[in-house]
Protein backbone atom coordinates (compact mmCIF):
# COMPACT_ATOMS: atom_id res chain seq x y z
CA MET A 1 44.11 174.08 -53.77
CA ASN A 2 42.35 170.73 -54.26
CA VAL A 3 38.70 170.85 -55.31
CA ILE A 4 36.25 167.99 -55.62
CA ILE A 5 33.02 168.50 -57.57
CA ILE A 6 30.12 166.06 -57.18
CA ASP A 7 27.12 166.66 -59.42
CA ASN A 8 25.11 164.24 -61.57
CA ASP A 9 25.19 166.82 -64.39
CA THR A 10 28.29 165.67 -66.28
CA ALA A 11 28.39 168.81 -68.43
CA LEU A 12 28.41 171.05 -65.35
CA VAL A 13 31.17 168.98 -63.72
CA LYS A 14 33.34 169.19 -66.84
CA SER A 15 32.75 172.89 -67.51
CA LEU A 16 33.26 173.93 -63.88
CA ALA A 17 36.43 171.81 -63.71
CA ILE A 18 37.82 173.56 -66.80
CA VAL A 19 37.09 177.00 -65.35
CA LEU A 20 38.68 176.12 -62.00
CA GLU A 21 41.72 174.50 -63.59
CA THR A 22 42.39 177.64 -65.63
CA LYS A 23 42.49 179.50 -62.29
CA GLY A 24 45.15 177.08 -61.02
CA TYR A 25 43.00 174.74 -58.92
CA LYS A 26 43.54 170.98 -58.93
CA VAL A 27 40.11 169.55 -59.69
CA LYS A 28 38.61 166.09 -59.57
CA GLY A 29 35.01 165.83 -60.72
CA PHE A 30 32.46 163.07 -60.25
CA SER A 31 29.03 162.69 -61.84
CA ARG A 32 28.31 159.65 -59.66
CA PRO A 33 28.04 160.59 -55.98
CA GLU A 34 29.21 157.16 -54.75
CA GLU A 35 32.48 157.53 -56.66
CA GLY A 36 33.04 160.99 -55.21
CA CYS A 37 32.40 159.71 -51.68
CA PHE A 38 34.80 156.81 -52.21
CA HIS A 39 37.49 159.19 -53.48
CA ILE A 40 37.17 161.35 -50.37
CA ILE A 41 37.04 158.40 -47.98
CA GLN A 42 40.27 157.08 -49.54
CA GLY A 43 41.99 160.16 -48.12
CA HIS A 44 42.76 162.17 -51.24
CA PRO A 45 43.59 165.80 -50.41
CA ILE A 46 40.64 168.18 -50.45
CA ASP A 47 40.33 171.86 -49.64
CA VAL A 48 36.94 172.57 -51.24
CA LEU A 49 33.98 170.26 -51.82
CA ILE A 50 31.37 171.46 -54.30
CA VAL A 51 28.31 169.22 -54.20
CA ASP A 52 24.90 169.37 -55.82
CA PHE A 53 21.94 169.03 -53.49
CA VAL A 54 19.47 167.25 -55.80
CA MET A 55 20.87 164.08 -57.36
CA PRO A 56 19.08 160.79 -58.09
CA GLU A 57 21.40 158.34 -56.31
CA LEU A 58 22.44 160.30 -53.22
CA ASN A 59 21.49 163.87 -52.47
CA GLY A 60 24.02 166.45 -51.32
CA GLU A 61 23.02 166.07 -47.68
CA GLN A 62 23.62 162.31 -47.84
CA VAL A 63 27.00 162.83 -49.54
CA ILE A 64 28.09 165.27 -46.83
CA GLU A 65 26.91 162.92 -44.06
CA ARG A 66 28.96 160.05 -45.58
CA VAL A 67 32.19 162.02 -45.99
CA LYS A 68 32.20 164.66 -43.24
CA ASP A 69 34.39 162.60 -40.89
CA PHE A 70 36.99 162.27 -43.67
CA LEU A 71 37.16 165.98 -44.53
CA PRO A 72 39.80 168.21 -42.98
CA LYS A 73 38.36 170.79 -40.57
CA SER A 74 39.48 173.55 -42.94
CA CYS A 75 37.59 172.09 -45.94
CA LYS A 76 35.00 174.44 -47.39
CA ILE A 77 31.74 172.79 -48.40
CA ILE A 78 29.80 174.57 -51.11
CA LEU A 79 26.31 173.25 -51.80
CA ILE A 80 24.87 174.04 -55.22
CA SER A 81 21.36 173.50 -56.55
CA GLY A 82 18.86 174.68 -59.09
CA HIS A 83 16.23 174.19 -56.38
CA THR A 84 16.27 176.98 -53.82
CA GLY A 85 14.47 176.89 -50.50
CA LEU A 86 15.16 173.23 -49.80
CA LEU A 87 17.35 173.91 -46.77
CA ASP A 88 17.26 176.76 -44.29
CA ALA A 89 20.22 178.45 -42.59
CA GLU A 90 20.02 176.09 -39.62
CA ASP A 91 20.23 173.03 -41.90
CA LEU A 92 23.25 174.50 -43.67
CA ASP A 93 24.98 175.18 -40.36
CA THR A 94 24.21 171.70 -38.99
CA LEU A 95 25.75 170.10 -42.08
CA GLY A 96 28.82 172.35 -41.90
CA ILE A 97 28.10 173.94 -45.26
CA THR A 98 30.18 177.03 -45.91
CA MET A 99 27.88 178.46 -48.57
CA PHE A 100 24.84 177.63 -50.67
CA LEU A 101 25.02 178.82 -54.28
CA PRO A 102 22.04 178.57 -56.64
CA LYS A 103 22.45 177.36 -60.21
CA PRO A 104 23.44 178.78 -62.56
CA ILE A 105 26.56 179.32 -60.48
CA ASP A 106 27.82 182.87 -60.14
CA LEU A 107 31.55 182.30 -60.63
CA GLU A 108 32.53 185.50 -58.82
CA ASN A 109 30.64 184.35 -55.72
CA LEU A 110 32.17 180.90 -56.02
CA PHE A 111 35.74 182.26 -56.20
CA GLU A 112 35.00 184.61 -53.31
CA VAL A 113 33.88 181.75 -51.08
CA MET A 114 36.77 179.51 -52.15
CA THR A 115 39.43 182.11 -51.37
CA ALA A 116 37.90 183.56 -48.18
């Protein structure tokens, strides 16, 4: 399973990538949202997109808007953030977000969503 992580927190990207790789996932992480968008738009395989909502250059909503036409229909989009209450259920549905997970990320919940 191919996972792309986009979060301006480099330490989170690296640590989450290590955890996912030990579980057998192929992971590509980006701490610059533009680079992550470019990677997706280039057509690299993706099954799960994990994206932070609050980032200085592009927020998670803007990232999803830029790449959604390049994602396979089966791609799961997991929005993460340390800021809860920014989006309601209707916003999540409109953006096609599979799940919102607050930071710190509960890995059991993350794996559950990824394998569902």
